[in-house]
Amino acid sequence: MLTLLISLILALVPLAGIGWIGAGGWLETVDGLFMSLILLAIAGVFLLNAGMQARALGLLPRLGRKQEGAKA
């Protein structure tokens, strides 16, 4: 559970950075665009990790077909 919380916090920090870049007016520059892409990638990795942790803890349902019992 601690890993899930840490991953969520670390996913929100880059998103706050994108907000900072947008509020500062740097989003229109090439540097701002590339920094935003890098921060989105970092946030995506941590959100993916949080999703896998939530599924491992049973907080998210598994996707796909439900397996029935062994058919004879």
Protein backbone atom coordinates (compact mmCIF):
# COMPACT_ATOMS: atom_id res chain seq x y z
CA MET A 1 0.00 0.00 0.00
CA LEU A 2 2.90 2.33 0.74
CA THR A 3 4.33 1.75 -2.73
CA LEU A 4 0.98 2.68 -4.25
CA LEU A 5 0.85 5.97 -2.36
CA ILE A 6 4.44 6.83 -3.22
CA SER A 7 3.80 6.08 -6.90
CA LEU A 8 0.73 8.30 -6.92
CA ILE A 9 2.61 11.15 -5.27
CA LEU A 10 5.51 10.77 -7.68
CA ALA A 11 3.04 10.78 -10.60
CA LEU A 12 1.48 14.05 -9.43
CA VAL A 13 4.77 15.91 -9.06
CA PRO A 14 5.56 15.93 -12.82
CA LEU A 15 1.98 16.98 -13.57
CA ALA A 16 2.45 19.91 -11.21
CA GLY A 17 5.63 20.71 -13.12
CA ILE A 18 3.65 20.86 -16.35
CA GLY A 19 1.25 23.25 -14.63
CA TRP A 20 4.19 25.38 -13.56
CA ILE A 21 5.55 25.45 -17.11
CA GLY A 22 2.12 26.43 -18.43
CA ALA A 23 1.62 29.12 -15.80
CA GLY A 24 5.05 30.58 -16.50
CA GLY A 25 4.31 30.94 -20.19
CA TRP A 26 7.11 28.59 -21.24
CA LEU A 27 4.78 26.04 -22.80
CA GLU A 28 4.98 27.78 -26.17
CA THR A 29 8.75 27.41 -26.42
CA VAL A 30 10.54 24.36 -27.75
CA ASP A 31 12.19 23.81 -24.38
CA GLY A 32 8.83 23.96 -22.64
CA LEU A 33 7.27 21.50 -25.06
CA PHE A 34 10.04 18.96 -24.69
CA MET A 35 10.09 19.36 -20.91
CA SER A 36 6.33 18.79 -20.87
CA LEU A 37 6.71 15.61 -22.93
CA ILE A 38 9.43 14.33 -20.60
CA LEU A 39 7.32 15.10 -17.53
CA LEU A 40 4.29 13.38 -19.09
CA ALA A 41 6.40 10.28 -19.73
CA ILE A 42 7.64 10.25 -16.14
CA ALA A 43 4.09 10.66 -14.82
CA GLY A 44 2.91 7.87 -17.11
CA VAL A 45 5.51 5.46 -15.80
CA PHE A 46 4.56 6.15 -12.20
CA LEU A 47 0.84 5.90 -12.99
CA LEU A 48 1.45 2.57 -14.72
CA ASN A 49 3.30 1.37 -11.64
CA ALA A 50 0.48 2.58 -9.40
CA GLY A 51 -2.06 0.76 -11.56
CA MET A 52 -0.13 -2.49 -11.38
CA GLN A 53 0.24 -2.13 -7.62
CA ALA A 54 -3.49 -1.46 -7.23
CA ARG A 55 -4.30 -4.54 -9.29
CA ALA A 56 -1.88 -6.65 -7.24
CA LEU A 57 -3.58 -5.45 -4.05
CA GLY A 58 -7.01 -6.32 -5.48
CA LEU A 59 -8.20 -2.72 -5.70
CA LEU A 60 -8.74 -2.91 -9.47
CA PRO A 61 -10.54 -5.71 -11.30
CA ARG A 62 -8.67 -7.75 -13.84
CA LEU A 63 -9.57 -7.16 -17.47
CA GLY A 64 -10.27 -9.85 -20.01
CA ARG A 65 -12.36 -12.96 -20.17
CA LYS A 66 -13.40 -14.61 -16.97
CA GLN A 67 -12.13 -18.15 -16.73
CA GLU A 68 -14.64 -20.77 -15.87
CA GLY A 69 -13.88 -23.97 -14.03
CA ALA A 70 -12.15 -26.82 -15.82
CA LYS A 71 -14.36 -28.21 -18.55
CA ALA A 72 -14.43 -31.96 -18.92
